[in-house]
Every structure is written in structure tokens, then in C-alpha cells.
N, C-alpha and C. Protein backbone atom coordinates (compact mmCIF):
# COMPACT_ATOMS: atom_id res chain seq x y z
N MET A 1 -30.06 31.83 -1.74
CA MET A 1 -28.91 31.00 -2.09
C MET A 1 -29.18 29.55 -1.66
N LYS A 2 -28.94 28.64 -2.55
CA LYS A 2 -29.17 27.21 -2.27
C LYS A 2 -28.11 26.68 -1.31
N LYS A 3 -28.56 25.94 -0.30
CA LYS A 3 -27.62 25.33 0.64
C LYS A 3 -26.87 24.20 -0.04
N GLN A 4 -25.57 24.21 0.10
CA GLN A 4 -24.77 23.13 -0.47
C GLN A 4 -24.50 22.07 0.59
N LYS A 5 -24.49 20.83 0.16
CA LYS A 5 -24.19 19.72 1.06
C LYS A 5 -22.68 19.62 1.27
N ILE A 6 -22.30 19.17 2.41
CA ILE A 6 -20.90 18.88 2.73
C ILE A 6 -20.79 17.37 2.83
N PHE A 7 -19.92 16.77 2.04
CA PHE A 7 -19.75 15.32 2.03
C PHE A 7 -18.59 14.93 2.93
N ILE A 8 -18.84 13.99 3.83
CA ILE A 8 -17.82 13.45 4.72
C ILE A 8 -17.90 11.93 4.64
N GLY A 9 -16.76 11.32 4.40
CA GLY A 9 -16.80 9.87 4.26
C GLY A 9 -15.48 9.20 4.53
N THR A 10 -15.51 7.89 4.44
CA THR A 10 -14.32 7.08 4.66
C THR A 10 -14.17 6.06 3.54
N ASN A 11 -12.94 5.81 3.18
CA ASN A 11 -12.60 4.77 2.23
C ASN A 11 -11.71 3.79 2.99
N TRP A 12 -12.21 2.61 3.22
CA TRP A 12 -11.52 1.66 4.09
C TRP A 12 -10.37 0.93 3.43
N LYS A 13 -10.31 0.99 2.10
CA LYS A 13 -9.32 0.17 1.39
C LYS A 13 -9.45 -1.25 1.92
N MET A 14 -8.39 -1.78 2.49
CA MET A 14 -8.46 -3.14 3.05
C MET A 14 -8.09 -3.10 4.54
N THR A 15 -8.52 -2.04 5.24
CA THR A 15 -8.10 -1.85 6.62
C THR A 15 -9.07 -2.39 7.66
N LYS A 16 -10.29 -2.73 7.28
CA LYS A 16 -11.26 -3.24 8.24
C LYS A 16 -11.77 -4.61 7.79
N ASN A 17 -11.83 -5.53 8.74
CA ASN A 17 -12.50 -6.79 8.42
C ASN A 17 -14.01 -6.56 8.58
N LEU A 18 -14.81 -7.56 8.30
CA LEU A 18 -16.26 -7.37 8.34
C LEU A 18 -16.76 -6.99 9.73
N LYS A 19 -16.27 -7.64 10.75
CA LYS A 19 -16.70 -7.32 12.12
C LYS A 19 -16.38 -5.87 12.47
N GLU A 20 -15.18 -5.43 12.16
CA GLU A 20 -14.78 -4.05 12.43
C GLU A 20 -15.63 -3.06 11.62
N GLY A 21 -15.91 -3.41 10.38
CA GLY A 21 -16.72 -2.56 9.53
C GLY A 21 -18.14 -2.40 10.04
N ARG A 22 -18.72 -3.49 10.47
CA ARG A 22 -20.09 -3.42 10.98
C ARG A 22 -20.15 -2.63 12.29
N GLU A 23 -19.13 -2.77 13.13
CA GLU A 23 -19.07 -1.98 14.37
C GLU A 23 -18.94 -0.49 14.03
N TYR A 24 -18.13 -0.18 13.03
CA TYR A 24 -17.96 1.20 12.60
C TYR A 24 -19.29 1.78 12.12
N VAL A 25 -20.03 1.02 11.32
CA VAL A 25 -21.32 1.48 10.81
C VAL A 25 -22.25 1.80 11.98
N GLN A 26 -22.33 0.95 12.97
CA GLN A 26 -23.22 1.20 14.11
C GLN A 26 -22.82 2.47 14.86
N GLN A 27 -21.53 2.68 15.03
CA GLN A 27 -21.06 3.91 15.69
C GLN A 27 -21.38 5.13 14.85
N LEU A 28 -21.19 5.03 13.54
CA LEU A 28 -21.48 6.15 12.64
C LEU A 28 -22.95 6.50 12.66
N LEU A 29 -23.81 5.50 12.69
CA LEU A 29 -25.25 5.77 12.71
C LEU A 29 -25.66 6.48 14.00
N GLU A 30 -25.00 6.18 15.09
CA GLU A 30 -25.27 6.90 16.35
C GLU A 30 -24.82 8.35 16.25
N VAL A 31 -23.63 8.58 15.72
CA VAL A 31 -23.11 9.94 15.56
C VAL A 31 -23.98 10.74 14.60
N LYS A 32 -24.47 10.10 13.55
CA LYS A 32 -25.27 10.77 12.53
C LYS A 32 -26.51 11.44 13.12
N LYS A 33 -27.05 10.88 14.17
CA LYS A 33 -28.25 11.43 14.80
C LYS A 33 -28.03 12.86 15.30
N ALA A 34 -26.80 13.19 15.66
CA ALA A 34 -26.49 14.50 16.21
C ALA A 34 -25.99 15.50 15.16
N LEU A 35 -25.88 15.08 13.91
CA LEU A 35 -25.32 15.93 12.86
C LEU A 35 -26.40 16.74 12.15
N THR A 36 -26.01 17.83 11.58
CA THR A 36 -26.90 18.66 10.78
C THR A 36 -27.25 17.96 9.47
N SER A 37 -28.39 18.28 8.94
CA SER A 37 -28.82 17.68 7.67
C SER A 37 -27.99 18.20 6.50
N LYS A 38 -27.17 19.21 6.73
CA LYS A 38 -26.30 19.75 5.68
C LYS A 38 -25.16 18.78 5.36
N LEU A 39 -24.89 17.86 6.26
CA LEU A 39 -23.81 16.90 6.06
C LEU A 39 -24.34 15.65 5.38
N GLU A 40 -23.62 15.19 4.39
CA GLU A 40 -23.94 13.96 3.66
C GLU A 40 -22.82 12.96 3.94
N LEU A 41 -23.15 11.85 4.57
CA LEU A 41 -22.13 10.86 4.94
C LEU A 41 -22.06 9.73 3.93
N PHE A 42 -20.85 9.20 3.74
CA PHE A 42 -20.69 8.04 2.86
C PHE A 42 -19.60 7.12 3.39
N ILE A 43 -19.68 5.86 2.98
CA ILE A 43 -18.71 4.83 3.32
C ILE A 43 -18.32 4.10 2.05
N ILE A 44 -17.03 3.85 1.89
CA ILE A 44 -16.54 3.02 0.78
C ILE A 44 -15.78 1.85 1.42
N PRO A 45 -16.49 0.76 1.70
CA PRO A 45 -15.86 -0.38 2.37
C PRO A 45 -15.05 -1.24 1.41
N SER A 46 -14.34 -2.18 1.97
CA SER A 46 -13.63 -3.17 1.15
C SER A 46 -14.66 -3.95 0.33
N PHE A 47 -14.29 -4.31 -0.89
CA PHE A 47 -15.21 -4.96 -1.82
C PHE A 47 -15.93 -6.18 -1.23
N PRO A 48 -15.24 -7.08 -0.53
CA PRO A 48 -15.94 -8.28 -0.03
C PRO A 48 -17.07 -7.97 0.97
N HIS A 49 -17.07 -6.75 1.52
CA HIS A 49 -18.06 -6.41 2.55
C HIS A 49 -19.21 -5.55 2.03
N LEU A 50 -19.23 -5.24 0.75
CA LEU A 50 -20.24 -4.33 0.21
C LEU A 50 -21.68 -4.77 0.50
N THR A 51 -22.00 -6.01 0.25
CA THR A 51 -23.39 -6.47 0.42
C THR A 51 -23.85 -6.36 1.87
N THR A 52 -23.02 -6.80 2.80
CA THR A 52 -23.40 -6.75 4.22
C THR A 52 -23.51 -5.32 4.71
N ILE A 53 -22.54 -4.48 4.36
CA ILE A 53 -22.57 -3.08 4.80
C ILE A 53 -23.77 -2.36 4.18
N LYS A 54 -24.10 -2.68 2.94
CA LYS A 54 -25.28 -2.10 2.31
C LYS A 54 -26.53 -2.42 3.13
N GLN A 55 -26.65 -3.65 3.56
CA GLN A 55 -27.80 -4.06 4.38
C GLN A 55 -27.80 -3.31 5.71
N ASP A 56 -26.62 -3.14 6.31
CA ASP A 56 -26.53 -2.43 7.59
C ASP A 56 -26.91 -0.95 7.46
N LEU A 57 -26.68 -0.36 6.29
CA LEU A 57 -26.97 1.06 6.06
C LEU A 57 -28.40 1.31 5.58
N GLU A 58 -29.13 0.26 5.26
CA GLU A 58 -30.48 0.36 4.70
C GLU A 58 -31.34 1.37 5.48
N GLY A 59 -31.84 2.37 4.76
CA GLY A 59 -32.74 3.36 5.35
C GLY A 59 -32.07 4.41 6.21
N SER A 60 -30.75 4.39 6.32
CA SER A 60 -30.04 5.32 7.20
C SER A 60 -29.74 6.67 6.56
N GLY A 61 -29.75 6.71 5.23
CA GLY A 61 -29.37 7.94 4.56
C GLY A 61 -27.87 8.06 4.32
N VAL A 62 -27.08 7.15 4.88
CA VAL A 62 -25.63 7.13 4.64
C VAL A 62 -25.41 6.48 3.28
N LYS A 63 -24.64 7.14 2.44
CA LYS A 63 -24.38 6.65 1.08
C LYS A 63 -23.32 5.55 1.11
N LEU A 64 -23.39 4.67 0.12
CA LEU A 64 -22.43 3.57 -0.02
C LEU A 64 -21.72 3.70 -1.36
N GLY A 65 -20.42 3.56 -1.34
CA GLY A 65 -19.64 3.61 -2.57
C GLY A 65 -18.79 2.36 -2.69
N ALA A 66 -18.14 2.23 -3.84
CA ALA A 66 -17.27 1.07 -4.08
C ALA A 66 -16.02 1.53 -4.79
N GLN A 67 -14.94 0.83 -4.54
CA GLN A 67 -13.70 1.11 -5.26
C GLN A 67 -13.45 -0.04 -6.23
N THR A 68 -12.67 0.22 -7.23
CA THR A 68 -12.52 -0.77 -8.29
C THR A 68 -11.21 -1.53 -8.26
N MET A 69 -10.24 -1.07 -7.46
CA MET A 69 -8.97 -1.78 -7.49
C MET A 69 -8.13 -1.48 -6.26
N HIS A 70 -7.09 -2.28 -6.08
CA HIS A 70 -6.12 -2.09 -5.00
C HIS A 70 -4.78 -2.56 -5.53
N CYS A 71 -3.73 -1.98 -5.03
CA CYS A 71 -2.40 -2.28 -5.58
C CYS A 71 -1.82 -3.59 -5.06
N LEU A 72 -2.48 -4.26 -4.13
CA LEU A 72 -1.99 -5.51 -3.58
C LEU A 72 -2.04 -6.61 -4.65
N LYS A 73 -0.90 -7.28 -4.88
CA LYS A 73 -0.86 -8.35 -5.87
C LYS A 73 -1.46 -9.63 -5.28
N ASN A 74 -2.19 -10.36 -6.11
CA ASN A 74 -2.80 -11.62 -5.66
C ASN A 74 -1.85 -12.76 -5.86
């Protein structure tokens, strides 16, 4: 029987600024070291932080996602 991956992730919406997001990534990367390879981690940060968070995740194996909208009016 093929092992199935378990996906665990966070969608930040607009709840973290860049500093908080980068701190979260560093903490997650530390926790990831102790996790089984059966777990697949992902982060969906706020749109303005995608490029920086992508760089922070480089080579970590943590997946990066994006959301397309938010209900907050401009």
C-alpha cells in the first residue's frame, strides 16, 4: 500500500506582517526537523510577503501557496 502524505499548513490571510511571518518561518523550519517525512508542510502568506517568504523557504521542502483575494475593501 502506498503511503499517503498528510498536508498541514497555514493561511495567514492578513494576520501577519513581514517580520512576524519571517519569524514564523524560522520557527516552522526548526519544528520540521523533528517531523516525519509523511507530513507535507505548506504556508500561504499574505500576498505582499510572497517573494520574501519564498526566499526564506528556499530548499526547505515547505511548500508555498498564494491566495487570490480578500474581502477587505480598498
